[in-house]
């Protein structure tokens, strides 16, 4: 009986700790997102463009060679971005490059 009680208490404690940590991480993520938005507003206000990461020539070359997946992988390696962010960035770069070629 004691063993079952201890096991239940252990599981409950682990659940409580997990939920507490999850809530804290979500709170920190919201603060980080808010800070990034504010920084973007300040940069826009002063007309400051964020410098392009070194190695973007490789991403452009892969896009020019019609190797989009490799370009996304390279972008992730260069910037440390997640998959969704890298995909959006490479697609935006692809659109920008295409529109520059047409002009």
PDB file of N, CA and C in Angstrom:
ATOM      1  N   UNK A   1       0.824  -1.190   0.000  1.00  0.00           N
ATOM      2  CA  UNK A   1       0.000   0.000   0.000  1.00  0.00           C
ATOM      3  C   UNK A   1       0.867   1.252   0.000  1.00  0.00           C
ATOM      4  N   UNK A   2       1.937   1.246   0.795  1.00  0.00           N
ATOM      5  CA  UNK A   2       2.843   2.383   0.847  1.00  0.00           C
ATOM      6  C   UNK A   2       3.516   2.623  -0.489  1.00  0.00           C
ATOM      7  N   UNK A   3       3.854   1.570  -1.187  1.00  0.00           N
ATOM      8  CA  UNK A   3       4.518   1.684  -2.469  1.00  0.00           C
ATOM      9  C   UNK A   3       3.603   2.342  -3.492  1.00  0.00           C
ATOM     10  N   UNK A   4       2.349   1.958  -3.515  1.00  0.00           N
ATOM     11  CA  UNK A   4       1.385   2.538  -4.447  1.00  0.00           C
ATOM     12  C   UNK A   4       1.198   4.025  -4.146  1.00  0.00           C
ATOM     13  N   UNK A   5       1.082   4.363  -2.872  1.00  0.00           N
ATOM     14  CA  UNK A   5       0.922   5.761  -2.468  1.00  0.00           C
ATOM     15  C   UNK A   5       2.134   6.589  -2.889  1.00  0.00           C
ATOM     16  N   UNK A   6       3.326   6.070  -2.664  1.00  0.00           N
ATOM     17  CA  UNK A   6       4.538   6.782  -3.047  1.00  0.00           C
ATOM     18  C   UNK A   6       4.630   6.955  -4.561  1.00  0.00           C
ATOM     19  N   UNK A   7       4.231   5.937  -5.300  1.00  0.00           N
ATOM     20  CA  UNK A   7       4.251   6.013  -6.747  1.00  0.00           C
ATOM     21  C   UNK A   7       3.267   7.078  -7.256  1.00  0.00           C
ATOM     22  N   UNK A   8       2.078   7.103  -6.673  1.00  0.00           N
ATOM     23  CA  UNK A   8       1.079   8.102  -7.052  1.00  0.00           C
ATOM     24  C   UNK A   8       1.588   9.505  -6.723  1.00  0.00           C
ATOM     25  N   UNK A   9       2.192   9.672  -5.580  1.00  0.00           N
ATOM     26  CA  UNK A   9       2.732  10.973  -5.186  1.00  0.00           C
ATOM     27  C   UNK A   9       3.871  11.388  -6.111  1.00  0.00           C
ATOM     28  N   UNK A  10       4.704  10.454  -6.498  1.00  0.00           N
ATOM     29  CA  UNK A  10       5.804  10.728  -7.403  1.00  0.00           C
ATOM     30  C   UNK A  10       5.284  11.180  -8.765  1.00  0.00           C
ATOM     31  N   UNK A  11       4.291  10.488  -9.286  1.00  0.00           N
ATOM     32  CA  UNK A  11       3.704  10.849 -10.579  1.00  0.00           C
ATOM     33  C   UNK A  11       3.038  12.223 -10.493  1.00  0.00           C
ATOM     34  N   UNK A  12       2.308  12.475  -9.409  1.00  0.00           N
ATOM     35  CA  UNK A  12       1.650  13.771  -9.231  1.00  0.00           C
ATOM     36  C   UNK A  12       2.677  14.899  -9.138  1.00  0.00           C
ATOM     37  N   UNK A  13       3.747  14.667  -8.411  1.00  0.00           N
ATOM     38  CA  UNK A  13       4.795  15.676  -8.279  1.00  0.00           C
ATOM     39  C   UNK A  13       5.475  15.932  -9.624  1.00  0.00           C
ATOM     40  N   UNK A  14       5.751  14.888 -10.349  1.00  0.00           N
ATOM     41  CA  UNK A  14       6.373  15.038 -11.676  1.00  0.00           C
ATOM     42  C   UNK A  14       5.446  15.816 -12.604  1.00  0.00           C
ATOM     43  N   UNK A  15       4.152  15.548 -12.553  1.00  0.00           N
ATOM     44  CA  UNK A  15       3.179  16.279 -13.367  1.00  0.00           C
ATOM     45  C   UNK A  15       3.124  17.746 -12.991  1.00  0.00           C
ATOM     46  N   UNK A  16       3.147  18.023 -11.710  1.00  0.00           N
ATOM     47  CA  UNK A  16       3.107  19.406 -11.234  1.00  0.00           C
ATOM     48  C   UNK A  16       4.365  20.160 -11.684  1.00  0.00           C
ATOM     49  N   UNK A  17       5.517  19.534 -11.546  1.00  0.00           N
ATOM     50  CA  UNK A  17       6.775  20.171 -11.956  1.00  0.00           C
ATOM     51  C   UNK A  17       6.771  20.420 -13.460  1.00  0.00           C
ATOM     52  N   UNK A  18       6.321  19.437 -14.232  1.00  0.00           N
ATOM     53  CA  UNK A  18       6.276  19.576 -15.688  1.00  0.00           C
ATOM     54  C   UNK A  18       5.365  20.727 -16.102  1.00  0.00           C
ATOM     55  N   UNK A  19       4.182  20.802 -15.504  1.00  0.00           N
ATOM     56  CA  UNK A  19       3.262  21.880 -15.871  1.00  0.00           C
ATOM     57  C   UNK A  19       3.804  23.243 -15.456  1.00  0.00           C
ATOM     58  N   UNK A  20       4.467  23.325 -14.314  1.00  0.00           N
ATOM     59  CA  UNK A  20       5.046  24.585 -13.860  1.00  0.00           C
ATOM     60  C   UNK A  20       6.150  25.046 -14.806  1.00  0.00           C
ATOM     61  N   UNK A  21       7.013  24.146 -15.185  1.00  0.00           N
ATOM     62  CA  UNK A  21       8.103  24.485 -16.102  1.00  0.00           C
ATOM     63  C   UNK A  21       7.545  24.885 -17.466  1.00  0.00           C
ATOM     64  N   UNK A  22       6.545  24.165 -17.943  1.00  0.00           N
ATOM     65  CA  UNK A  22       5.936  24.485 -19.228  1.00  0.00           C
ATOM     66  C   UNK A  22       5.336  25.886 -19.219  1.00  0.00           C
ATOM     67  N   UNK A  23       4.621  26.222 -18.164  1.00  0.00           N
ATOM     68  CA  UNK A  23       4.036  27.561 -18.058  1.00  0.00           C
ATOM     69  C   UNK A  23       5.118  28.637 -18.028  1.00  0.00           C
ATOM     70  N   UNK A  24       6.194  28.383 -17.325  1.00  0.00           N
ATOM     71  CA  UNK A  24       7.283  29.355 -17.236  1.00  0.00           C
ATOM     72  C   UNK A  24       7.961  29.551 -18.599  1.00  0.00           C
ATOM     73  N   UNK A  25       8.172  28.472 -19.315  1.00  0.00           N
ATOM     74  CA  UNK A  25       8.789  28.550 -20.640  1.00  0.00           C
ATOM     75  C   UNK A  25       7.873  29.333 -21.590  1.00  0.00           C
ATOM     76  N   UNK A  26       6.574  29.080 -21.529  1.00  0.00           N
ATOM     77  CA  UNK A  26       5.630  29.810 -22.371  1.00  0.00           C
ATOM     78  C   UNK A  26       5.654  31.296 -22.037  1.00  0.00           C
ATOM     79  N   UNK A  27       5.730  31.629 -20.770  1.00  0.00           N
ATOM     80  CA  UNK A  27       5.801  33.024 -20.341  1.00  0.00           C
ATOM     81  C   UNK A  27       7.061  33.693 -20.877  1.00  0.00           C
ATOM     82  N   UNK A  28       8.185  33.010 -20.785  1.00  0.00           N
ATOM     83  CA  UNK A  28       9.438  33.555 -21.299  1.00  0.00           C
ATOM     84  C   UNK A  28       9.397  33.714 -22.815  1.00  0.00           C
ATOM     85  N   UNK A  29       8.749  32.780 -23.502  1.00  0.00           N
ATOM     86  CA  UNK A  29       8.636  32.876 -24.958  1.00  0.00           C
ATOM     87  C   UNK A  29       7.803  34.093 -25.351  1.00  0.00           C
ATOM     88  N   UNK A  30       6.718  34.350 -24.631  1.00  0.00           N
ATOM     89  CA  UNK A  30       5.899  35.531 -24.904  1.00  0.00           C
ATOM     90  C   UNK A  30       6.697  36.813 -24.705  1.00  0.00           C
ATOM     91  N   UNK A  31       7.490  36.857 -23.634  1.00  0.00           N
ATOM     92  CA  UNK A  31       8.318  38.037 -23.375  1.00  0.00           C
ATOM     93  C   UNK A  31       9.364  38.215 -24.473  1.00  0.00           C
ATOM     94  N   UNK A  32       9.963  37.133 -24.915  1.00  0.00           N
ATOM     95  CA  UNK A  32      10.966  37.210 -25.979  1.00  0.00           C
ATOM     96  C   UNK A  32      10.329  37.681 -27.281  1.00  0.00           C
ATOM     97  N   UNK A  33       9.147  37.178 -27.603  1.00  0.00           N
ATOM     98  CA  UNK A  33       8.443  37.599 -28.814  1.00  0.00           C
ATOM     99  C   UNK A  33       8.112  39.089 -28.762  1.00  0.00           C
ATOM    100  N   UNK A  34       7.636  39.544 -27.605  1.00  0.00           N
ATOM    101  CA  UNK A  34       7.302  40.955 -27.424  1.00  0.00           C
ATOM    102  C   UNK A  34       8.558  41.826 -27.585  1.00  0.00           C
ATOM    103  N   UNK A  35       9.666  41.375 -27.027  1.00  0.00           N
ATOM    104  CA  UNK A  35      10.922  42.120 -27.132  1.00  0.00           C
ATOM    105  C   UNK A  35      11.387  42.184 -28.584  1.00  0.00           C
ATOM    106  N   UNK A  36      11.264  41.097 -29.320  1.00  0.00           N
ATOM    107  CA  UNK A  36      11.652  41.089 -30.727  1.00  0.00           C
ATOM    108  C   UNK A  36      10.791  42.050 -31.539  1.00  0.00           C
ATOM    109  N   UNK A  37       9.473  42.082 -31.256  1.00  0.00           N
ATOM    110  CA  UNK A  37       8.588  43.007 -31.969  1.00  0.00           C
ATOM    111  C   UNK A  37       8.977  44.458 -31.681  1.00  0.00           C
ATOM    112  N   UNK A  38       9.268  44.745 -30.432  1.00  0.00           N
ATOM    113  CA  UNK A  38       9.656  46.107 -30.065  1.00  0.00           C
ATOM    114  C   UNK A  38      10.977  46.492 -30.728  1.00  0.00           C
ATOM    115  N   UNK A  39      11.916  45.588 -30.742  1.00  0.00           N
ATOM    116  CA  UNK A  39      13.195  45.861 -31.381  1.00  0.00           C
ATOM    117  C   UNK A  39      13.002  46.118 -32.874  1.00  0.00           C
ATOM    118  N   UNK A  40      12.137  45.344 -33.503  1.00  0.00           N
ATOM    119  CA  UNK A  40      11.856  45.544 -34.926  1.00  0.00           C
ATOM    120  C   UNK A  40      11.269  46.936 -35.163  1.00  0.00           C
ATOM    121  N   UNK A  41      10.390  47.378 -34.272  1.00  0.00           N
ATOM    122  CA  UNK A  41       9.816  48.723 -34.399  1.00  0.00           C
ATOM    123  C   UNK A  41      10.883  49.804 -34.270  1.00  0.00           C
ATOM    124  N   UNK A  42      11.790  49.636 -33.330  1.00  0.00           N
ATOM    125  CA  UNK A  42      12.870  50.611 -33.148  1.00  0.00           C
ATOM    126  C   UNK A  42      13.767  50.643 -34.381  1.00  0.00           C
ATOM    127  N   UNK A  43      14.141  49.469 -34.876  1.00  0.00           N
ATOM    128  CA  UNK A  43      14.985  49.413 -36.070  1.00  0.00           C
ATOM    129  C   UNK A  43      14.294  50.056 -37.265  1.00  0.00           C
ATOM    130  N   UNK A  44      12.989  49.783 -37.428  1.00  0.00           N
ATOM    131  CA  UNK A  44      12.231  50.399 -38.513  1.00  0.00           C
ATOM    132  C   UNK A  44      12.177  51.914 -38.356  1.00  0.00           C
ATOM    133  N   UNK A  45      11.956  52.370 -37.144  1.00  0.00           N
ATOM    134  CA  UNK A  45      11.848  53.808 -36.879  1.00  0.00           C
ATOM    135  C   UNK A  45      13.129  54.544 -37.274  1.00  0.00           C
ATOM    136  N   UNK A  46      14.256  53.955 -36.966  1.00  0.00           N
ATOM    137  CA  UNK A  46      15.525  54.592 -37.272  1.00  0.00           C
ATOM    138  C   UNK A  46      16.065  54.218 -38.652  1.00  0.00           C
ATOM    139  N   UNK A  47      15.322  53.394 -39.376  1.00  0.00           N
ATOM    140  CA  UNK A  47      15.739  53.018 -40.724  1.00  0.00           C
ATOM    141  C   UNK A  47      16.954  52.120 -40.757  1.00  0.00           C
ATOM    142  N   UNK A  48      17.122  51.335 -39.716  1.00  0.00           N
ATOM    143  CA  UNK A  48      18.272  50.436 -39.632  1.00  0.00           C
ATOM    144  C   UNK A  48      17.863  49.068 -40.158  1.00  0.00           C
ATOM    145  N   UNK A  49      18.617  48.565 -41.110  1.00  0.00           N
ATOM    146  CA  UNK A  49      18.356  47.226 -41.629  1.00  0.00           C
ATOM    147  C   UNK A  49      19.273  46.234 -40.940  1.00  0.00           C
ATOM    148  N   UNK A  50      18.712  45.107 -40.601  1.00  0.00           N
ATOM    149  CA  UNK A  50      19.504  44.057 -39.963  1.00  0.00           C
ATOM    150  C   UNK A  50      20.481  43.492 -40.986  1.00  0.00           C
ATOM    151  N   UNK A  51      21.750  43.364 -40.613  1.00  0.00           N
ATOM    152  CA  UNK A  51      22.713  42.834 -41.588  1.00  0.00           C
ATOM    153  C   UNK A  51      22.406  41.385 -41.933  1.00  0.00           C
ATOM    154  N   UNK A  52      22.694  41.055 -43.159  1.00  0.00           N
ATOM    155  CA  UNK A  52      22.464  39.693 -43.626  1.00  0.00           C
ATOM    156  C   UNK A  52      23.531  38.772 -43.053  1.00  0.00           C
ATOM    157  N   UNK A  53      23.142  37.593 -42.583  1.00  0.00           N
ATOM    158  CA  UNK A  53      24.140  36.661 -42.033  1.00  0.00           C
ATOM    159  C   UNK A  53      25.153  36.246 -43.095  1.00  0.00           C
ATOM    160  N   UNK A  54      26.375  36.032 -42.666  1.00  0.00           N
ATOM    161  CA  UNK A  54      27.410  35.549 -43.574  1.00  0.00           C
ATOM    162  C   UNK A  54      27.028  34.167 -44.085  1.00  0.00           C
ATOM    163  N   UNK A  55      27.253  33.910 -45.338  1.00  0.00           N
ATOM    164  CA  UNK A  55      26.952  32.598 -45.901  1.00  0.00           C
ATOM    165  C   UNK A  55      25.670  32.563 -46.709  1.00  0.00           C
ATOM    166  N   UNK A  56      24.989  33.706 -46.825  1.00  0.00           N
ATOM    167  CA  UNK A  56      23.741  33.718 -47.579  1.00  0.00           C
ATOM    168  C   UNK A  56      23.972  33.526 -49.077  1.00  0.00           C
ATOM    169  N   UNK A  57      25.203  33.762 -49.530  1.00  0.00           N
ATOM    170  CA  UNK A  57      25.514  33.511 -50.937  1.00  0.00           C
ATOM    171  C   UNK A  57      25.305  32.037 -51.271  1.00  0.00           C
ATOM    172  N   UNK A  58      25.627  31.174 -50.304  1.00  0.00           N
ATOM    173  CA  UNK A  58      25.413  29.737 -50.499  1.00  0.00           C
ATOM    174  C   UNK A  58      23.933  29.434 -50.666  1.00  0.00           C
ATOM    175  N   UNK A  59      23.094  30.076 -49.851  1.00  0.00           N
ATOM    176  CA  UNK A  59      21.640  29.866 -49.930  1.00  0.00           C
ATOM    177  C   UNK A  59      21.132  30.342 -51.290  1.00  0.00           C
ATOM    178  N   UNK A  60      21.595  31.505 -51.725  1.00  0.00           N
ATOM    179  CA  UNK A  60      21.186  32.029 -53.037  1.00  0.00           C
ATOM    180  C   UNK A  60      21.627  31.097 -54.177  1.00  0.00           C
ATOM    181  N   UNK A  61      22.835  30.582 -54.066  1.00  0.00           N
ATOM    182  CA  UNK A  61      23.338  29.674 -55.106  1.00  0.00           C
ATOM    183  C   UNK A  61      22.502  28.398 -55.159  1.00  0.00           C
ATOM    184  N   UNK A  62      22.120  27.893 -54.004  1.00  0.00           N
ATOM    185  CA  UNK A  62      21.286  26.685 -53.976  1.00  0.00           C
ATOM    186  C   UNK A  62      19.906  26.968 -54.558  1.00  0.00           C
ATOM    187  N   UNK A  63      19.358  28.145 -54.276  1.00  0.00           N
ATOM    188  CA  UNK A  63      18.068  28.513 -54.866  1.00  0.00           C
ATOM    189  C   UNK A  63      18.181  28.645 -56.382  1.00  0.00           C
ATOM    190  N   UNK A  64      19.266  29.256 -56.838  1.00  0.00           N
ATOM    191  CA  UNK A  64      19.472  29.419 -58.280  1.00  0.00           C
ATOM    192  C   UNK A  64      19.601  28.067 -58.967  1.00  0.00           C
ATOM    193  N   UNK A  65      20.134  27.073 -58.239  1.00  0.00           N
ATOM    194  CA  UNK A  65      20.283  25.723 -58.793  1.00  0.00           C
ATOM    195  C   UNK A  65      19.017  24.892 -58.592  1.00  0.00           C
ATOM    196  N   UNK A  66      17.926  25.564 -58.144  1.00  0.00           N
ATOM    197  CA  UNK A  66      16.633  24.902 -57.920  1.00  0.00           C
ATOM    198  C   UNK A  66      16.734  23.787 -56.880  1.00  0.00           C
ATOM    199  N   UNK A  67      17.491  24.059 -55.804  1.00  0.00           N
ATOM    200  CA  UNK A  67      17.659  23.093 -54.707  1.00  0.00           C
ATOM    201  C   UNK A  67      17.129  23.738 -53.419  1.00  0.00           C
ATOM    202  N   UNK A  68      15.824  23.932 -53.384  1.00  0.00           N
ATOM    203  CA  UNK A  68      15.173  24.665 -52.297  1.00  0.00           C
ATOM    204  C   UNK A  68      15.368  23.989 -50.945  1.00  0.00           C
ATOM    205  N   UNK A  69      15.235  22.692 -50.878  1.00  0.00           N
ATOM    206  CA  UNK A  69      15.386  21.985 -49.600  1.00  0.00           C
ATOM    207  C   UNK A  69      16.805  22.137 -49.070  1.00  0.00           C
ATOM    208  N   UNK A  70      17.781  22.036 -49.945  1.00  0.00           N
ATOM    209  CA  UNK A  70      19.174  22.244 -49.532  1.00  0.00           C
ATOM    210  C   UNK A  70      19.398  23.682 -49.082  1.00  0.00           C
ATOM    211  N   UNK A  71      18.715  24.621 -49.741  1.00  0.00           N
ATOM    212  CA  UNK A  71      18.821  26.029 -49.348  1.00  0.00           C
ATOM    213  C   UNK A  71      18.251  26.239 -47.952  1.00  0.00           C
ATOM    214  N   UNK A  72      17.145  25.584 -47.657  1.00  0.00           N
ATOM    215  CA  UNK A  72      16.537  25.685 -46.319  1.00  0.00           C
ATOM    216  C   UNK A  72      17.477  25.089 -45.283  1.00  0.00           C
ATOM    217  N   UNK A  73      18.071  23.946 -45.580  1.00  0.00           N
ATOM    218  CA  UNK A  73      19.025  23.326 -44.657  1.00  0.00           C
ATOM    219  C   UNK A  73      20.224  24.238 -44.417  1.00  0.00           C
ATOM    220  N   UNK A  74      20.723  24.835 -45.480  1.00  0.00           N
ATOM    221  CA  UNK A  74      21.864  25.741 -45.352  1.00  0.00           C
ATOM    222  C   UNK A  74      21.484  26.960 -44.519  1.00  0.00           C
ATOM    223  N   UNK A  75      20.296  27.500 -44.752  1.00  0.00           N
ATOM    224  CA  UNK A  75      19.831  28.660 -43.985  1.00  0.00           C
ATOM    225  C   UNK A  75      19.749  28.309 -42.502  1.00  0.00           C
ATOM    226  N   UNK A  76      19.223  27.136 -42.198  1.00  0.00           N
ATOM    227  CA  UNK A  76      19.134  26.695 -40.799  1.00  0.00           C
ATOM    228  C   UNK A  76      20.517  26.578 -40.175  1.00  0.00           C
ATOM    229  N   UNK A  77      21.455  26.017 -40.927  1.00  0.00           N
ATOM    230  CA  UNK A  77      22.819  25.859 -40.412  1.00  0.00           C
ATOM    231  C   UNK A  77      23.467  27.218 -40.170  1.00  0.00           C
ATOM    232  N   UNK A  78      23.257  28.143 -41.085  1.00  0.00           N
ATOM    233  CA  UNK A  78      23.887  29.460 -40.996  1.00  0.00           C
ATOM    234  C   UNK A  78      23.293  30.298 -39.866  1.00  0.00           C
ATOM    235  N   UNK A  79      21.968  30.281 -39.757  1.00  0.00           N
ATOM    236  CA  UNK A  79      21.290  31.193 -38.830  1.00  0.00           C
ATOM    237  C   UNK A  79      20.872  30.552 -37.517  1.00  0.00           C
ATOM    238  N   UNK A  80      20.767  29.226 -37.489  1.00  0.00           N
ATOM    239  CA  UNK A  80      20.258  28.564 -36.289  1.00  0.00           C
ATOM    240  C   UNK A  80      18.742  28.627 -36.181  1.00  0.00           C
ATOM    241  N   UNK A  81      18.086  28.999 -37.269  1.00  0.00           N
ATOM    242  CA  UNK A  81      16.630  29.124 -37.289  1.00  0.00           C
ATOM    243  C   UNK A  81      15.976  27.748 -37.265  1.00  0.00           C
ATOM    244  N   UNK A  82      14.730  27.724 -36.843  1.00  0.00           N
ATOM    245  CA  UNK A  82      13.945  26.504 -36.884  1.00  0.00           C
ATOM    246  C   UNK A  82      13.482  26.224 -38.309  1.00  0.00           C
ATOM    247  N   UNK A  83      12.870  25.080 -38.494  1.00  0.00           N
ATOM    248  CA  UNK A  83      12.474  24.659 -39.842  1.00  0.00           C
ATOM    249  C   UNK A  83      11.443  25.608 -40.450  1.00  0.00           C
ATOM    250  N   UNK A  84      10.400  25.949 -39.700  1.00  0.00           N
ATOM    251  CA  UNK A  84       9.349  26.814 -40.240  1.00  0.00           C
ATOM    252  C   UNK A  84       9.893  28.196 -40.577  1.00  0.00           C
ATOM    253  N   UNK A  85      10.687  28.754 -39.670  1.00  0.00           N
ATOM    254  CA  UNK A  85      11.276  30.077 -39.902  1.00  0.00           C
ATOM    255  C   UNK A  85      12.200  30.058 -41.115  1.00  0.00           C
ATOM    256  N   UNK A  86      13.006  29.016 -41.233  1.00  0.00           N
ATOM    257  CA  UNK A  86      13.938  28.906 -42.361  1.00  0.00           C
ATOM    258  C   UNK A  86      13.180  28.771 -43.675  1.00  0.00           C
ATOM    259  N   UNK A  87      12.123  27.983 -43.672  1.00  0.00           N
ATOM    260  CA  UNK A  87      11.327  27.795 -44.890  1.00  0.00           C
ATOM    261  C   UNK A  87      10.734  29.129 -45.337  1.00  0.00           C
ATOM    262  N   UNK A  88      10.158  29.879 -44.400  1.00  0.00           N
ATOM    263  CA  UNK A  88       9.577  31.178 -44.738  1.00  0.00           C
ATOM    264  C   UNK A  88      10.635  32.147 -45.255  1.00  0.00           C
ATOM    265  N   UNK A  89      11.784  32.156 -44.615  1.00  0.00           N
ATOM    266  CA  UNK A  89      12.856  33.073 -45.020  1.00  0.00           C
ATOM    267  C   UNK A  89      13.381  32.728 -46.404  1.00  0.00           C
ATOM    268  N   UNK A  90      13.572  31.462 -46.669  1.00  0.00           N
ATOM    269  CA  UNK A  90      14.089  31.041 -47.986  1.00  0.00           C
ATOM    270  C   UNK A  90      13.045  31.313 -49.065  1.00  0.00           C
ATOM    271  N   UNK A  91      11.782  31.081 -48.753  1.00  0.00           N
ATOM    272  CA  UNK A  91      10.735  31.375 -49.730  1.00  0.00           C
ATOM    273  C   UNK A  91      10.665  32.875 -50.013  1.00  0.00           C
ATOM    274  N   UNK A  92      10.823  33.708 -48.971  1.00  0.00           N
ATOM    275  CA  UNK A  92      10.834  35.162 -49.168  1.00  0.00           C
ATOM    276  C   UNK A  92      12.041  35.575 -50.005  1.00  0.00           C
ATOM    277  N   UNK A  93      13.176  34.965 -49.756  1.00  0.00           N
ATOM    278  CA  UNK A  93      14.376  35.244 -50.536  1.00  0.00           C
ATOM    279  C   UNK A  93      14.181  34.825 -51.987  1.00  0.00           C
ATOM    280  N   UNK A  94      13.523  33.696 -52.176  1.00  0.00           N
ATOM    281  CA  UNK A  94      13.256  33.191 -53.520  1.00  0.00           C
ATOM    282  C   UNK A  94      12.360  34.174 -54.289  1.00  0.00           C
ATOM    283  N   UNK A  95      11.323  34.680 -53.621  1.00  0.00           N
ATOM    284  CA  UNK A  95      10.420  35.651 -54.253  1.00  0.00           C
ATOM    285  C   UNK A  95      11.175  36.934 -54.575  1.00  0.00           C
ATOM    286  N   UNK A  96      12.001  37.397 -53.636  1.00  0.00           N
ATOM    287  CA  UNK A  96      12.776  38.621 -53.850  1.00  0.00           C
ATOM    288  C   UNK A  96      13.750  38.453 -55.010  1.00  0.00           C
ATOM    289  N   UNK A  97      14.403  37.316 -55.061  1.00  0.00           N
ATOM    290  CA  UNK A  97      15.368  37.063 -56.140  1.00  0.00           C
ATOM    291  C   UNK A  97      14.656  36.985 -57.485  1.00  0.00           C
ATOM    292  N   UNK A  98      13.479  36.364 -57.509  1.00  0.00           N
ATOM    293  CA  UNK A  98      12.709  36.235 -58.744  1.00  0.00           C
ATOM    294  C   UNK A  98      12.246  37.601 -59.228  1.00  0.00           C
ATOM    295  N   UNK A  99      11.775  38.440 -58.293  1.00  0.00           N
ATOM    296  CA  UNK A  99      11.301  39.762 -58.693  1.00  0.00           C
ATOM    297  C   UNK A  99      12.452  40.654 -59.160  1.00  0.00           C
ATOM    298  N   UNK A 100      13.644  40.464 -58.590  1.00  0.00           N
ATOM    299  CA  UNK A 100      14.818  41.238 -59.030  1.00  0.00           C
ATOM    300  C   UNK A 100      15.237  40.828 -60.438  1.00  0.00           C
ATOM    301  N   UNK A 101      15.110  39.552 -60.740  1.00  0.00           N
ATOM    302  CA  UNK A 101      15.500  39.059 -62.064  1.00  0.00           C
ATOM    303  C   UNK A 101      14.556  39.583 -63.133  1.00  0.00           C
ATOM    304  N   UNK A 102      13.257  39.704 -62.788  1.00  0.00           N
ATOM    305  CA  UNK A 102      12.260  40.170 -63.749  1.00  0.00           C
ATOM    306  C   UNK A 102      12.366  41.655 -64.006  1.00  0.00           C
ATOM    307  N   UNK A 103      12.894  42.400 -63.050  1.00  0.00           N
ATOM    308  CA  UNK A 103      12.984  43.858 -63.204  1.00  0.00           C
ATOM    309  C   UNK A 103      14.074  44.299 -64.134  1.00  0.00           C
TER     310      UNK A 103
END
